[in-house]
N, C-alpha and C. Protein backbone atom coordinates (compact mmCIF):
# COMPACT_ATOMS: atom_id res chain seq x y z
N UNK A 1 -64.71 33.68 38.41
CA UNK A 1 -63.61 33.74 38.69
C UNK A 1 -62.86 33.24 39.74
N UNK A 2 -63.72 34.50 41.05
CA UNK A 2 -63.44 33.78 42.46
C UNK A 2 -63.54 32.19 42.83
N UNK A 3 -64.63 31.67 42.49
CA UNK A 3 -64.99 30.04 42.20
C UNK A 3 -63.33 29.37 41.78
N UNK A 4 -63.10 29.54 40.51
CA UNK A 4 -61.76 29.18 40.39
C UNK A 4 -60.66 29.37 41.01
N UNK A 5 -60.64 30.33 41.38
CA UNK A 5 -59.51 30.83 42.46
C UNK A 5 -59.48 29.84 43.04
N UNK A 6 -60.47 29.60 44.08
CA UNK A 6 -60.77 29.32 45.40
C UNK A 6 -60.58 27.14 45.16
N UNK A 7 -61.08 26.99 43.56
CA UNK A 7 -61.12 25.33 43.59
C UNK A 7 -59.67 26.00 43.30
N UNK A 8 -58.32 25.96 42.62
CA UNK A 8 -57.02 26.40 42.31
C UNK A 8 -56.75 26.13 44.00
N UNK A 9 -56.59 27.01 44.95
CA UNK A 9 -56.88 27.33 46.21
C UNK A 9 -56.70 26.04 46.62
N UNK A 10 -57.63 25.31 46.56
CA UNK A 10 -57.95 23.66 47.18
C UNK A 10 -56.89 22.75 46.85
N UNK A 11 -56.83 22.77 45.38
CA UNK A 11 -56.26 21.62 44.48
C UNK A 11 -54.32 22.01 45.10
N UNK A 12 -54.14 22.77 45.54
CA UNK A 12 -52.74 23.34 45.57
C UNK A 12 -52.69 22.96 47.00
N UNK A 13 -53.62 23.11 48.05
CA UNK A 13 -53.48 22.63 49.21
C UNK A 13 -53.38 20.91 49.26
N UNK A 14 -54.64 20.39 48.93
CA UNK A 14 -54.23 19.02 48.40
C UNK A 14 -52.98 18.49 47.95
N UNK A 15 -52.17 19.12 47.11
CA UNK A 15 -51.21 18.64 46.31
C UNK A 15 -50.23 18.98 47.62
N UNK A 16 -50.25 20.01 48.06
CA UNK A 16 -48.83 20.21 49.66
C UNK A 16 -48.54 19.17 50.49
N UNK A 17 -50.44 18.99 50.77
CA UNK A 17 -50.50 18.11 52.05
C UNK A 17 -50.03 16.56 51.64
N UNK A 18 -50.34 16.19 50.12
CA UNK A 18 -50.00 14.58 49.44
C UNK A 18 -48.19 14.58 50.07
N UNK A 19 -47.67 15.94 49.17
CA UNK A 19 -46.17 16.29 49.40
C UNK A 19 -45.46 15.76 50.93
N UNK A 20 -46.59 16.32 51.68
CA UNK A 20 -46.11 16.34 52.76
C UNK A 20 -46.04 15.08 53.99
N UNK A 21 -47.59 14.53 53.25
CA UNK A 21 -47.42 12.82 53.45
C UNK A 21 -46.44 11.79 53.29
N UNK A 22 -46.13 12.51 51.56
CA UNK A 22 -45.27 11.49 51.04
C UNK A 22 -43.44 11.91 51.58
N UNK A 23 -43.47 13.04 52.00
CA UNK A 23 -42.17 13.73 52.71
C UNK A 23 -41.82 12.26 54.00
N UNK A 24 -43.19 12.31 54.40
CA UNK A 24 -43.09 11.60 56.03
C UNK A 24 -42.54 9.87 55.84
N UNK A 25 -43.17 9.56 54.96
CA UNK A 25 -43.03 8.60 54.47
C UNK A 25 -41.17 7.67 54.40
N UNK A 26 -41.06 8.89 53.19
CA UNK A 26 -39.87 8.74 52.97
C UNK A 26 -38.84 9.17 54.06
N UNK A 27 -38.95 10.06 55.35
CA UNK A 27 -38.21 9.55 56.29
C UNK A 27 -37.78 8.28 57.34
N UNK A 28 -39.71 8.14 57.20
CA UNK A 28 -39.56 7.03 58.29
C UNK A 28 -39.09 5.75 57.18
């Protein structure tokens, strides 16, 4: 369960980072 939680957190972080990069591209 803990391992799954860590994986989920990593996925969320990855998605947030991608959204941040996409936002940067849109702004530019």
